[in-house]
Amino acid sequence: MGGIRRGLCRTVFAAALLLALSGAANAERLIPGGQLVGVAVRSDGLVYVGATDLKKLPSPARLAGLKSGDIIRTVDGQTVSDTQSLGERLAAGKAVKLGVRRGERELTFDVQPQRDERDGVYRIGAWVREGAAGIGTLTYVDPETGAYGALGHPINDSDSGVSIPVREGVLYEGELTGVVRGRRGVPGALEGEIVEQAPLGTIEWNDDTGIGGVFVRAAAGSALFPDGIETESASRVKTGRGQLIATVDENGPKLYDIDILRVDANADTRTFQIRVTDEALLKITGGIVQGMSGSPVIQNGKLIGAVTHVLVDDPTRGFAVGIERMLETAKAEAA
């Protein structure tokens, strides 16, 4: 995972965030993205990936009842933010109470650390993760406030599948290094790197519609739509032709043709089903690939949503979430 520059997220830009989010849901004109971004987040607690036995001793975490995807938030009431702080609270070998979030529930588990005979350190036999990093696509930036949305779906832990609660995070520039073309049954991917020397903004939340926060650098311009474009309600979108904006080569964001096959204005995140028809995009990627999530979707010159998922059995097809839903999430996160 790429390093996260502490202090960039919460304190310095708190005022800017409140200003940005207060008007996000009412925005009528947004700057569409399409460029690759690097994402690095630290979780609010430790994601419990799974158990590991201490040689001959069974995992105390498993015996206590922890399950993959649990978020360990406290030890004896004290917050744990990384593996070092967890280790420090287990070092004495005394029984501890773990405060855990499981879905919407807050649970407590009594766990007895055991001495690992390999090095003499007391452990609870738990694989945990502090955060995640990767690349995706920027969806929009509000030119009035700097609020942005990206990815179109949540950042999930790669092993447990749980959505990572964000304690702090940084949005960076992303650099495309290659493309793995998708084919039936095998998802493709954009390969890229996080440019840590080029922070773009904060990551303040991680929800069903993606991530959001505030841009802190004036890098939100669009060569395709320098004046931005208006948003359109899903209830006004029709099946038929559309476009998406994606970065799949060294030329940066470009428009590619799609068909909008189905519209469900009441769906939470799968508002539209789309099919890539652009021959140039199909030649490069085979359709929708990992890393294109967040690519803006446009119809009749208006921003209607963002790519979220690909159908593994047919990489030319996938889903998109409506832009209204993304903006509603931004408003709810600000409340």
C-alpha atoms as a PDB file:
ATOM      1  CA  MET A   1       0.000   0.000   0.000  1.00  0.00           C
ATOM      2  CA  GLY A   2       1.285   3.446  -0.863  1.00  0.00           C
ATOM      3  CA  GLY A   3       2.180   5.699   2.039  1.00  0.00           C
ATOM      4  CA  ILE A   4      -0.377   8.207   3.248  1.00  0.00           C
ATOM      5  CA  ARG A   5       0.750  11.681   4.138  1.00  0.00           C
ATOM      6  CA  ARG A   6      -0.592  12.267   7.610  1.00  0.00           C
ATOM      7  CA  GLY A   7      -2.232  15.575   8.401  1.00  0.00           C
ATOM      8  CA  LEU A   8      -3.374  16.157   4.836  1.00  0.00           C
ATOM      9  CA  CYS A   9      -6.862  14.810   5.387  1.00  0.00           C
ATOM     10  CA  ARG A  10      -8.752  15.782   8.493  1.00  0.00           C
ATOM     11  CA  THR A  11      -7.633  18.983  10.104  1.00  0.00           C
ATOM     12  CA  VAL A  12      -6.289  21.259   7.401  1.00  0.00           C
ATOM     13  CA  PHE A  13      -9.184  20.859   5.008  1.00  0.00           C
ATOM     14  CA  ALA A  14     -12.114  20.359   7.390  1.00  0.00           C
ATOM     15  CA  ALA A  15     -13.557  23.794   6.707  1.00  0.00           C
ATOM     16  CA  ALA A  16     -13.137  23.354   2.976  1.00  0.00           C
ATOM     17  CA  LEU A  17     -14.907  20.003   3.130  1.00  0.00           C
ATOM     18  CA  LEU A  18     -17.977  21.401   4.874  1.00  0.00           C
ATOM     19  CA  LEU A  19     -18.196  24.199   2.339  1.00  0.00           C
ATOM     20  CA  ALA A  20     -17.769  21.784  -0.550  1.00  0.00           C
ATOM     21  CA  LEU A  21     -20.311  19.215   0.528  1.00  0.00           C
ATOM     22  CA  SER A  22     -23.005  21.648   1.530  1.00  0.00           C
ATOM     23  CA  GLY A  23     -23.626  22.487  -2.118  1.00  0.00           C
ATOM     24  CA  ALA A  24     -22.618  19.247  -3.806  1.00  0.00           C
ATOM     25  CA  ALA A  25     -26.055  17.708  -4.167  1.00  0.00           C
ATOM     26  CA  ASN A  26     -27.484  20.896  -5.775  1.00  0.00           C
ATOM     27  CA  ALA A  27     -24.749  21.255  -8.370  1.00  0.00           C
ATOM     28  CA  GLU A  28     -26.129  21.766 -11.858  1.00  0.00           C
ATOM     29  CA  ARG A  29     -22.833  21.917 -13.700  1.00  0.00           C
ATOM     30  CA  LEU A  30     -19.874  19.662 -12.945  1.00  0.00           C
ATOM     31  CA  ILE A  31     -16.493  19.066 -14.504  1.00  0.00           C
ATOM     32  CA  PRO A  32     -16.444  15.462 -15.751  1.00  0.00           C
ATOM     33  CA  GLY A  33     -13.334  13.440 -14.973  1.00  0.00           C
ATOM     34  CA  GLY A  34     -12.117  10.385 -16.839  1.00  0.00           C
ATOM     35  CA  GLN A  35      -8.500  10.637 -15.708  1.00  0.00           C
ATOM     36  CA  LEU A  36      -6.823   7.937 -13.640  1.00  0.00           C
ATOM     37  CA  VAL A  37      -6.410   8.652  -9.945  1.00  0.00           C
ATOM     38  CA  GLY A  38      -4.445   6.893  -7.240  1.00  0.00           C
ATOM     39  CA  VAL A  39      -6.295   6.035  -4.040  1.00  0.00           C
ATOM     40  CA  ALA A  40      -4.677   5.416  -0.644  1.00  0.00           C
ATOM     41  CA  VAL A  41      -6.754   5.064   2.518  1.00  0.00           C
ATOM     42  CA  ARG A  42      -6.218   4.090   6.122  1.00  0.00           C
ATOM     43  CA  SER A  43      -9.123   2.259   7.727  1.00  0.00           C
ATOM     44  CA  ASP A  44     -10.994   3.422  10.797  1.00  0.00           C
ATOM     45  CA  GLY A  45      -9.856   0.393  12.777  1.00  0.00           C
ATOM     46  CA  LEU A  46      -8.171  -2.794  11.594  1.00  0.00           C
ATOM     47  CA  VAL A  47      -9.841  -5.034   9.036  1.00  0.00           C
ATOM     48  CA  TYR A  48      -9.772  -8.623  10.321  1.00  0.00           C
ATOM     49  CA  VAL A  49      -8.924 -10.687   7.256  1.00  0.00           C
ATOM     50  CA  GLY A  50      -8.716 -14.078   8.942  1.00  0.00           C
ATOM     51  CA  ALA A  51      -7.117 -16.283  11.590  1.00  0.00           C
ATOM     52  CA  THR A  52      -3.631 -17.752  11.777  1.00  0.00           C
ATOM     53  CA  ASP A  53      -2.604 -20.373  14.309  1.00  0.00           C
ATOM     54  CA  LEU A  54       0.439 -19.722  16.513  1.00  0.00           C
ATOM     55  CA  LYS A  55       2.279 -22.863  15.476  1.00  0.00           C
ATOM     56  CA  LYS A  56       0.681 -25.528  17.734  1.00  0.00           C
ATOM     57  CA  LEU A  57      -1.695 -23.094  19.438  1.00  0.00           C
ATOM     58  CA  PRO A  58      -5.070 -22.383  17.782  1.00  0.00           C
ATOM     59  CA  SER A  59      -5.813 -18.774  16.928  1.00  0.00           C
ATOM     60  CA  PRO A  60      -7.245 -16.927  19.971  1.00  0.00           C
ATOM     61  CA  ALA A  61      -9.125 -14.609  17.607  1.00  0.00           C
ATOM     62  CA  ARG A  62     -10.875 -17.523  15.923  1.00  0.00           C
ATOM     63  CA  LEU A  63     -11.673 -19.177  19.270  1.00  0.00           C
ATOM     64  CA  ALA A  64     -13.184 -15.900  20.496  1.00  0.00           C
ATOM     65  CA  GLY A  65     -15.548 -15.781  17.502  1.00  0.00           C
ATOM     66  CA  LEU A  66     -14.108 -13.114  15.204  1.00  0.00           C
ATOM     67  CA  LYS A  67     -15.124 -13.403  11.548  1.00  0.00           C
ATOM     68  CA  SER A  68     -13.489 -12.254   8.333  1.00  0.00           C
ATOM     69  CA  GLY A  69     -14.584  -8.692   7.602  1.00  0.00           C
ATOM     70  CA  ASP A  70     -14.863  -7.636  11.251  1.00  0.00           C
ATOM     71  CA  ILE A  71     -13.358  -4.234  12.030  1.00  0.00           C
ATOM     72  CA  ILE A  72     -11.281  -4.203  15.229  1.00  0.00           C
ATOM     73  CA  ARG A  73     -11.679  -0.697  16.629  1.00  0.00           C
ATOM     74  CA  THR A  74     -10.616  -0.848  20.278  1.00  0.00           C
ATOM     75  CA  VAL A  75      -8.665  -2.943  22.771  1.00  0.00           C
ATOM     76  CA  ASP A  76      -9.879  -2.497  26.350  1.00  0.00           C
ATOM     77  CA  GLY A  77     -11.614   0.682  25.239  1.00  0.00           C
ATOM     78  CA  GLN A  78      -8.476   2.176  23.670  1.00  0.00           C
ATOM     79  CA  THR A  79      -8.537   2.963  19.959  1.00  0.00           C
ATOM     80  CA  VAL A  80      -6.252   0.924  17.708  1.00  0.00           C
ATOM     81  CA  SER A  81      -5.290   2.514  14.411  1.00  0.00           C
ATOM     82  CA  ASP A  82      -2.480   0.260  13.198  1.00  0.00           C
ATOM     83  CA  THR A  83      -0.779  -3.066  13.857  1.00  0.00           C
ATOM     84  CA  GLN A  84       1.801  -1.410  16.084  1.00  0.00           C
ATOM     85  CA  SER A  85      -0.806  -0.040  18.494  1.00  0.00           C
ATOM     86  CA  LEU A  86      -2.554  -3.431  18.502  1.00  0.00           C
ATOM     87  CA  GLY A  87       0.711  -5.197  19.341  1.00  0.00           C
ATOM     88  CA  GLU A  88       1.456  -2.768  22.153  1.00  0.00           C
ATOM     89  CA  ARG A  89      -1.887  -3.498  23.821  1.00  0.00           C
ATOM     90  CA  LEU A  90      -1.321  -7.246  23.613  1.00  0.00           C
ATOM     91  CA  ALA A  91       2.295  -7.196  24.781  1.00  0.00           C
ATOM     92  CA  ALA A  92       1.560  -7.954  28.445  1.00  0.00           C
ATOM     93  CA  GLY A  93      -0.246 -11.181  27.563  1.00  0.00           C
ATOM     94  CA  LYS A  94      -3.322 -10.313  29.633  1.00  0.00           C
ATOM     95  CA  ALA A  95      -6.872 -11.063  28.500  1.00  0.00           C
ATOM     96  CA  VAL A  96      -8.336  -8.169  26.517  1.00  0.00           C
ATOM     97  CA  LYS A  97     -11.727  -6.980  25.302  1.00  0.00           C
ATOM     98  CA  LEU A  98     -11.840  -6.244  21.587  1.00  0.00           C
ATOM     99  CA  GLY A  99     -14.386  -3.690  20.397  1.00  0.00           C
ATOM    100  CA  VAL A 100     -15.471  -4.839  16.942  1.00  0.00           C
ATOM    101  CA  ARG A 101     -17.799  -3.511  14.265  1.00  0.00           C
ATOM    102  CA  ARG A 102     -19.570  -6.219  12.279  1.00  0.00           C
ATOM    103  CA  GLY A 103     -21.772  -4.679   9.644  1.00  0.00           C
ATOM    104  CA  GLU A 104     -24.032  -2.277  11.518  1.00  0.00           C
ATOM    105  CA  ARG A 105     -23.438  -3.918  14.911  1.00  0.00           C
ATOM    106  CA  GLU A 106     -20.909  -3.038  17.610  1.00  0.00           C
ATOM    107  CA  LEU A 107     -19.685  -6.178  19.405  1.00  0.00           C
ATOM    108  CA  THR A 108     -17.258  -7.036  22.217  1.00  0.00           C
ATOM    109  CA  PHE A 109     -15.071 -10.153  22.318  1.00  0.00           C
ATOM    110  CA  ASP A 110     -12.990 -11.454  25.220  1.00  0.00           C
ATOM    111  CA  VAL A 111      -9.674 -12.687  23.831  1.00  0.00           C
ATOM    112  CA  GLN A 112      -6.715 -14.255  25.609  1.00  0.00           C
ATOM    113  CA  PRO A 113      -3.428 -13.544  23.765  1.00  0.00           C
ATOM    114  CA  GLN A 114      -1.015 -16.446  23.537  1.00  0.00           C
ATOM    115  CA  ARG A 115       2.761 -16.403  23.515  1.00  0.00           C
ATOM    116  CA  ASP A 116       4.121 -17.250  20.089  1.00  0.00           C
ATOM    117  CA  GLU A 117       6.996 -19.659  20.750  1.00  0.00           C
ATOM    118  CA  ARG A 118       8.727 -18.598  17.549  1.00  0.00           C
ATOM    119  CA  ASP A 119       9.661 -15.173  18.908  1.00  0.00           C
ATOM    120  CA  GLY A 120       8.124 -14.916  22.384  1.00  0.00           C
ATOM    121  CA  VAL A 121       5.629 -12.215  21.380  1.00  0.00           C
ATOM    122  CA  TYR A 122       2.027 -12.353  22.606  1.00  0.00           C
ATOM    123  CA  ARG A 123      -0.461 -12.449  19.719  1.00  0.00           C
ATOM    124  CA  ILE A 124      -4.119 -13.191  19.043  1.00  0.00           C
ATOM    125  CA  GLY A 125      -3.522 -15.062  15.776  1.00  0.00           C
ATOM    126  CA  ALA A 126      -5.145 -12.515  13.498  1.00  0.00           C
ATOM    127  CA  TRP A 127      -4.340 -11.316  10.013  1.00  0.00           C
ATOM    128  CA  VAL A 128      -5.349  -7.655   9.909  1.00  0.00           C
ATOM    129  CA  ARG A 129      -5.111  -4.888   7.346  1.00  0.00           C
ATOM    130  CA  GLU A 130      -4.690  -1.153   7.954  1.00  0.00           C
ATOM    131  CA  GLY A 131      -6.050   0.152   4.664  1.00  0.00           C
ATOM    132  CA  ALA A 132      -5.868  -0.180   0.899  1.00  0.00           C
ATOM    133  CA  ALA A 133      -4.418   1.436  -2.200  1.00  0.00           C
ATOM    134  CA  GLY A 134      -5.019   1.223  -5.934  1.00  0.00           C
ATOM    135  CA  ILE A 135      -6.096   3.105  -9.032  1.00  0.00           C
ATOM    136  CA  GLY A 136      -9.482   4.092 -10.405  1.00  0.00           C
ATOM    137  CA  THR A 137     -11.153   6.836 -12.397  1.00  0.00           C
ATOM    138  CA  LEU A 138     -12.344  10.289 -11.359  1.00  0.00           C
ATOM    139  CA  THR A 139     -16.035  10.931 -12.063  1.00  0.00           C
ATOM    140  CA  TYR A 140     -16.615  14.604 -11.387  1.00  0.00           C
ATOM    141  CA  VAL A 141     -15.434  17.729  -9.617  1.00  0.00           C
ATOM    142  CA  ASP A 142     -17.715  20.558  -8.562  1.00  0.00           C
ATOM    143  CA  PRO A 143     -15.940  23.701  -9.843  1.00  0.00           C
ATOM    144  CA  GLU A 144     -17.666  25.880  -7.249  1.00  0.00           C
ATOM    145  CA  THR A 145     -16.713  23.904  -4.156  1.00  0.00           C
ATOM    146  CA  GLY A 146     -13.964  21.427  -5.087  1.00  0.00           C
ATOM    147  CA  ALA A 147     -16.060  18.435  -3.967  1.00  0.00           C
ATOM    148  CA  TYR A 148     -15.435  15.366  -6.112  1.00  0.00           C
ATOM    149  CA  GLY A 149     -16.658  11.818  -6.618  1.00  0.00           C
ATOM    150  CA  ALA A 150     -14.755   8.840  -8.004  1.00  0.00           C
ATOM    151  CA  LEU A 151     -14.801   5.049  -8.528  1.00  0.00           C
ATOM    152  CA  GLY A 152     -18.570   4.551  -8.581  1.00  0.00           C
ATOM    153  CA  HIS A 153     -18.303   1.697  -6.063  1.00  0.00           C
ATOM    154  CA  PRO A 154     -16.745   1.307  -2.614  1.00  0.00           C
ATOM    155  CA  ILE A 155     -13.166   0.381  -1.818  1.00  0.00           C
ATOM    156  CA  ASN A 156     -13.463  -3.139  -0.465  1.00  0.00           C
ATOM    157  CA  ASP A 157     -10.874  -5.227   1.327  1.00  0.00           C
ATOM    158  CA  SER A 158      -9.497  -7.619  -1.268  1.00  0.00           C
ATOM    159  CA  ASP A 159      -9.783 -10.708   0.953  1.00  0.00           C
ATOM    160  CA  SER A 160     -12.801 -10.232   3.200  1.00  0.00           C
ATOM    161  CA  GLY A 161     -14.826  -8.124   0.753  1.00  0.00           C
ATOM    162  CA  VAL A 162     -15.874  -5.700   3.492  1.00  0.00           C
ATOM    163  CA  SER A 163     -16.174  -2.018   2.623  1.00  0.00           C
ATOM    164  CA  ILE A 164     -13.277  -0.218   4.316  1.00  0.00           C
ATOM    165  CA  PRO A 165     -14.331   2.543   6.741  1.00  0.00           C
ATOM    166  CA  VAL A 166     -12.055   5.497   6.024  1.00  0.00           C
ATOM    167  CA  ARG A 167     -10.113   7.147   8.816  1.00  0.00           C
ATOM    168  CA  GLU A 168      -8.017   9.224   6.441  1.00  0.00           C
ATOM    169  CA  GLY A 169      -7.014   9.075   2.821  1.00  0.00           C
ATOM    170  CA  VAL A 170      -5.333  10.875  -0.032  1.00  0.00           C
ATOM    171  CA  LEU A 171      -6.276  11.128  -3.703  1.00  0.00           C
ATOM    172  CA  TYR A 172      -3.239  11.157  -5.998  1.00  0.00           C
ATOM    173  CA  GLU A 173      -2.608  11.348  -9.687  1.00  0.00           C
ATOM    174  CA  GLY A 174      -2.533   7.953 -11.336  1.00  0.00           C
ATOM    175  CA  GLU A 175      -0.188   6.899 -14.123  1.00  0.00           C
ATOM    176  CA  LEU A 176      -1.251   4.281 -16.682  1.00  0.00           C
ATOM    177  CA  THR A 177       1.434   1.654 -17.251  1.00  0.00           C
ATOM    178  CA  GLY A 178      -0.462  -0.970 -19.253  1.00  0.00           C
ATOM    179  CA  VAL A 179      -3.780  -2.561 -20.170  1.00  0.00           C
ATOM    180  CA  VAL A 180      -4.825  -6.193 -19.680  1.00  0.00           C
ATOM    181  CA  ARG A 181      -7.553  -6.787 -22.236  1.00  0.00           C
ATOM    182  CA  GLY A 182     -10.725  -8.372 -20.905  1.00  0.00           C
ATOM    183  CA  ARG A 183     -12.320 -11.437 -22.434  1.00  0.00           C
ATOM    184  CA  ARG A 184     -15.311 -13.610 -21.653  1.00  0.00           C
ATOM    185  CA  GLY A 185     -14.918 -15.046 -18.157  1.00  0.00           C
ATOM    186  CA  VAL A 186     -11.668 -13.169 -17.446  1.00  0.00           C
ATOM    187  CA  PRO A 187     -11.907  -9.508 -16.349  1.00  0.00           C
ATOM    188  CA  GLY A 188      -9.311  -7.167 -17.808  1.00  0.00           C
ATOM    189  CA  ALA A 189      -7.625  -4.317 -15.956  1.00  0.00           C
ATOM    190  CA  LEU A 190      -5.910  -0.991 -16.303  1.00  0.00           C
ATOM    191  CA  GLU A 191      -2.451  -1.286 -14.814  1.00  0.00           C
ATOM    192  CA  GLY A 192      -1.112   1.815 -13.170  1.00  0.00           C
ATOM    193  CA  GLU A 193       0.913   3.448 -10.460  1.00  0.00           C
ATOM    194  CA  ILE A 194       0.130   5.990  -7.784  1.00  0.00           C
ATOM    195  CA  VAL A 195       2.128   9.183  -8.232  1.00  0.00           C
ATOM    196  CA  GLU A 196       2.652  10.018  -4.572  1.00  0.00           C
ATOM    197  CA  GLN A 197       4.427  13.265  -5.410  1.00  0.00           C
ATOM    198  CA  ALA A 198       1.195  14.585  -6.904  1.00  0.00           C
ATOM    199  CA  PRO A 199      -1.580  14.667  -4.242  1.00  0.00           C
ATOM    200  CA  LEU A 200      -4.880  15.925  -5.619  1.00  0.00           C
ATOM    201  CA  GLY A 201      -7.091  15.971  -2.550  1.00  0.00           C
ATOM    202  CA  THR A 202      -8.532  14.297   0.495  1.00  0.00           C
ATOM    203  CA  ILE A 203     -10.585  11.126   0.734  1.00  0.00           C
ATOM    204  CA  GLU A 204     -13.269  11.664   3.347  1.00  0.00           C
ATOM    205  CA  TRP A 205     -15.670   8.795   2.759  1.00  0.00           C
ATOM    206  CA  ASN A 206     -16.086   5.416   1.136  1.00  0.00           C
ATOM    207  CA  ASP A 207     -19.634   4.411   0.287  1.00  0.00           C
ATOM    208  CA  ASP A 208     -21.712   2.329  -2.110  1.00  0.00           C
ATOM    209  CA  THR A 209     -21.346   4.954  -4.840  1.00  0.00           C
ATOM    210  CA  GLY A 210     -17.587   5.347  -4.480  1.00  0.00           C
ATOM    211  CA  ILE A 211     -15.304   7.750  -2.691  1.00  0.00           C
ATOM    212  CA  GLY A 212     -15.410  11.482  -2.200  1.00  0.00           C
ATOM    213  CA  GLY A 213     -13.737  14.414  -0.555  1.00  0.00           C
ATOM    214  CA  VAL A 214     -12.227  17.706  -1.637  1.00  0.00           C
ATOM    215  CA  PHE A 215      -9.769  18.589  -4.360  1.00  0.00           C
ATOM    216  CA  VAL A 216      -6.948  20.650  -2.898  1.00  0.00           C
ATOM    217  CA  ARG A 217      -5.039  21.263  -6.087  1.00  0.00           C
ATOM    218  CA  ALA A 218      -6.194  23.092  -9.188  1.00  0.00           C
ATOM    219  CA  ALA A 219      -5.967  20.036 -11.439  1.00  0.00           C
ATOM    220  CA  ALA A 220      -9.636  19.462 -12.128  1.00  0.00           C
ATOM    221  CA  GLY A 221      -9.896  20.965 -15.598  1.00  0.00           C
ATOM    222  CA  SER A 222     -11.271  18.986 -18.529  1.00  0.00           C
ATOM    223  CA  ALA A 223      -9.858  19.391 -22.022  1.00  0.00           C
ATOM    224  CA  LEU A 224     -13.044  17.772 -23.332  1.00  0.00           C
ATOM    225  CA  PHE A 225     -15.449  19.980 -21.356  1.00  0.00           C
ATOM    226  CA  PRO A 226     -13.517  22.994 -20.037  1.00  0.00           C
ATOM    227  CA  ASP A 227     -16.729  24.728 -18.932  1.00  0.00           C
ATOM    228  CA  GLY A 228     -18.184  21.597 -17.357  1.00  0.00           C
ATOM    229  CA  ILE A 229     -21.513  19.979 -18.257  1.00  0.00           C
ATOM    230  CA  GLU A 230     -24.943  19.804 -16.696  1.00  0.00           C
ATOM    231  CA  THR A 231     -26.154  16.731 -14.844  1.00  0.00           C
ATOM    232  CA  GLU A 232     -29.240  14.801 -15.844  1.00  0.00           C
ATOM    233  CA  SER A 233     -31.702  12.898 -13.669  1.00  0.00           C
ATOM    234  CA  ALA A 234     -31.942   9.150 -14.272  1.00  0.00           C
ATOM    235  CA  SER A 235     -35.695   9.574 -14.748  1.00  0.00           C
ATOM    236  CA  ARG A 236     -34.961  11.569 -17.914  1.00  0.00           C
ATOM    237  CA  VAL A 237     -32.390   9.187 -19.375  1.00  0.00           C
ATOM    238  CA  LYS A 238     -33.520   7.049 -22.301  1.00  0.00           C
ATOM    239  CA  THR A 239     -32.187   3.806 -23.687  1.00  0.00           C
ATOM    240  CA  GLY A 240     -30.029   4.420 -26.721  1.00  0.00           C
ATOM    241  CA  ARG A 241     -26.716   6.004 -27.531  1.00  0.00           C
ATOM    242  CA  GLY A 242     -24.363   7.487 -24.987  1.00  0.00           C
ATOM    243  CA  GLN A 243     -20.673   7.964 -24.249  1.00  0.00           C
ATOM    244  CA  LEU A 244     -18.203   7.339 -21.476  1.00  0.00           C
ATOM    245  CA  ILE A 245     -14.935   9.100 -20.705  1.00  0.00           C
ATOM    246  CA  ALA A 246     -11.942   6.921 -19.902  1.00  0.00           C
ATOM    247  CA  THR A 247      -8.148   6.885 -19.972  1.00  0.00           C
ATOM    248  CA  VAL A 248      -6.857   3.759 -21.679  1.00  0.00           C
ATOM    249  CA  ASP A 249      -3.751   5.057 -23.445  1.00  0.00           C
ATOM    250  CA  GLU A 250      -1.114   7.781 -23.244  1.00  0.00           C
ATOM    251  CA  ASN A 251      -3.510  10.353 -24.732  1.00  0.00           C
ATOM    252  CA  GLY A 252      -5.481  10.760 -21.529  1.00  0.00           C
ATOM    253  CA  PRO A 253      -9.280  10.996 -21.173  1.00  0.00           C
ATOM    254  CA  LYS A 254     -11.248  10.413 -24.371  1.00  0.00           C
ATOM    255  CA  LEU A 255     -14.886   9.939 -25.310  1.00  0.00           C
ATOM    256  CA  TYR A 256     -15.998   6.437 -26.335  1.00  0.00           C
ATOM    257  CA  ASP A 257     -19.380   5.350 -27.695  1.00  0.00           C
ATOM    258  CA  ILE A 258     -21.726   3.113 -25.689  1.00  0.00           C
ATOM    259  CA  ASP A 259     -25.347   1.985 -25.799  1.00  0.00           C
ATOM    260  CA  ILE A 260     -27.547   2.409 -22.736  1.00  0.00           C
ATOM    261  CA  LEU A 261     -29.493  -0.846 -22.648  1.00  0.00           C
ATOM    262  CA  ARG A 262     -31.628  -0.433 -19.547  1.00  0.00           C
ATOM    263  CA  VAL A 263     -32.588   2.327 -17.121  1.00  0.00           C
ATOM    264  CA  ASP A 264     -33.805   1.746 -13.561  1.00  0.00           C
ATOM    265  CA  ALA A 265     -34.113   5.135 -11.916  1.00  0.00           C
ATOM    266  CA  ASN A 266     -35.012   3.524  -8.578  1.00  0.00           C
ATOM    267  CA  ALA A 267     -31.974   1.250  -8.365  1.00  0.00           C
ATOM    268  CA  ASP A 268     -29.446   2.055  -5.654  1.00  0.00           C
ATOM    269  CA  THR A 269     -26.239   1.620  -7.630  1.00  0.00           C
ATOM    270  CA  ARG A 270     -27.043  -0.255 -10.869  1.00  0.00           C
ATOM    271  CA  THR A 271     -29.048   2.542 -12.433  1.00  0.00           C
ATOM    272  CA  PHE A 272     -28.006   1.816 -16.011  1.00  0.00           C
ATOM    273  CA  GLN A 273     -26.889  -1.223 -17.922  1.00  0.00           C
ATOM    274  CA  ILE A 274     -24.502  -0.230 -20.685  1.00  0.00           C
ATOM    275  CA  ARG A 275     -22.680  -1.840 -23.604  1.00  0.00           C
ATOM    276  CA  VAL A 276     -19.434  -0.610 -25.144  1.00  0.00           C
ATOM    277  CA  THR A 277     -19.789  -0.211 -28.908  1.00  0.00           C
ATOM    278  CA  ASP A 278     -16.735   1.913 -29.676  1.00  0.00           C
ATOM    279  CA  GLU A 279     -14.360  -0.121 -31.849  1.00  0.00           C
ATOM    280  CA  ALA A 280     -11.280   1.771 -30.652  1.00  0.00           C
ATOM    281  CA  LEU A 281     -12.061   1.033 -26.997  1.00  0.00           C
ATOM    282  CA  LEU A 282     -12.973  -2.583 -27.722  1.00  0.00           C
ATOM    283  CA  LYS A 283      -9.649  -3.061 -29.493  1.00  0.00           C
ATOM    284  CA  ILE A 284      -7.666  -1.756 -26.523  1.00  0.00           C
ATOM    285  CA  THR A 285      -9.612  -3.102 -23.535  1.00  0.00           C
ATOM    286  CA  GLY A 286     -12.197  -5.559 -24.840  1.00  0.00           C
ATOM    287  CA  GLY A 287     -14.871  -3.451 -23.133  1.00  0.00           C
ATOM    288  CA  ILE A 288     -15.064  -2.453 -19.461  1.00  0.00           C
ATOM    289  CA  VAL A 289     -12.072  -3.404 -17.317  1.00  0.00           C
ATOM    290  CA  GLN A 290     -11.006  -2.916 -13.721  1.00  0.00           C
ATOM    291  CA  GLY A 291      -9.724   0.616 -13.186  1.00  0.00           C
ATOM    292  CA  MET A 292     -12.391   2.108 -15.461  1.00  0.00           C
ATOM    293  CA  SER A 293     -14.815   2.215 -12.525  1.00  0.00           C
ATOM    294  CA  GLY A 294     -15.806   5.828 -12.051  1.00  0.00           C
ATOM    295  CA  SER A 295     -15.615   6.680 -15.752  1.00  0.00           C
ATOM    296  CA  PRO A 296     -18.231   9.391 -16.404  1.00  0.00           C
ATOM    297  CA  VAL A 297     -21.250   8.339 -18.474  1.00  0.00           C
ATOM    298  CA  ILE A 298     -22.821  10.958 -20.728  1.00  0.00           C
ATOM    299  CA  GLN A 299     -25.974  11.177 -22.806  1.00  0.00           C
ATOM    300  CA  ASN A 300     -26.950  14.133 -24.991  1.00  0.00           C
ATOM    301  CA  GLY A 301     -24.086  16.174 -23.588  1.00  0.00           C
ATOM    302  CA  LYS A 302     -25.150  15.743 -19.965  1.00  0.00           C
ATOM    303  CA  LEU A 303     -23.494  13.818 -17.135  1.00  0.00           C
ATOM    304  CA  ILE A 304     -25.786  10.967 -16.070  1.00  0.00           C
ATOM    305  CA  GLY A 305     -23.563   8.685 -13.986  1.00  0.00           C
ATOM    306  CA  ALA A 306     -20.407   6.612 -13.603  1.00  0.00           C
ATOM    307  CA  VAL A 307     -19.300   3.118 -14.607  1.00  0.00           C
ATOM    308  CA  THR A 308     -19.351   0.701 -11.666  1.00  0.00           C
ATOM    309  CA  HIS A 309     -19.145  -2.958 -12.725  1.00  0.00           C
ATOM    310  CA  VAL A 310     -18.426  -5.217 -15.682  1.00  0.00           C
ATOM    311  CA  LEU A 311     -20.292  -8.405 -16.526  1.00  0.00           C
ATOM    312  CA  VAL A 312     -17.578 -11.051 -16.343  1.00  0.00           C
ATOM    313  CA  ASP A 313     -19.312 -13.258 -18.922  1.00  0.00           C
ATOM    314  CA  ASP A 314     -19.486 -10.348 -21.365  1.00  0.00           C
ATOM    315  CA  PRO A 315     -16.863  -7.618 -20.840  1.00  0.00           C
ATOM    316  CA  THR A 316     -18.567  -5.369 -23.391  1.00  0.00           C
ATOM    317  CA  ARG A 317     -21.422  -4.912 -20.898  1.00  0.00           C
ATOM    318  CA  GLY A 318     -21.589  -3.459 -17.419  1.00  0.00           C
ATOM    319  CA  PHE A 319     -23.440  -1.175 -15.030  1.00  0.00           C
ATOM    320  CA  ALA A 320     -23.379   2.493 -14.085  1.00  0.00           C
ATOM    321  CA  VAL A 321     -24.686   4.375 -11.068  1.00  0.00           C
ATOM    322  CA  GLY A 322     -26.715   7.548 -11.562  1.00  0.00           C
ATOM    323  CA  ILE A 323     -25.072  10.883 -10.868  1.00  0.00           C
ATOM    324  CA  GLU A 324     -28.009  11.890  -8.640  1.00  0.00           C
ATOM    325  CA  ARG A 325     -27.286   8.930  -6.410  1.00  0.00           C
ATOM    326  CA  MET A 326     -23.624   9.935  -6.151  1.00  0.00           C
ATOM    327  CA  LEU A 327     -24.516  13.496  -5.216  1.00  0.00           C
ATOM    328  CA  GLU A 328     -27.079  12.311  -2.660  1.00  0.00           C
ATOM    329  CA  THR A 329     -24.346  10.233  -1.031  1.00  0.00           C
ATOM    330  CA  ALA A 330     -22.083  13.285  -0.845  1.00  0.00           C
ATOM    331  CA  LYS A 331     -24.855  15.261   0.858  1.00  0.00           C
ATOM    332  CA  ALA A 332     -25.558  12.447   3.333  1.00  0.00           C
ATOM    333  CA  GLU A 333     -21.886  12.103   4.220  1.00  0.00           C
ATOM    334  CA  ALA A 334     -21.747  15.828   4.991  1.00  0.00           C
ATOM    335  CA  ALA A 335     -24.686  15.652   7.374  1.00  0.00           C
END
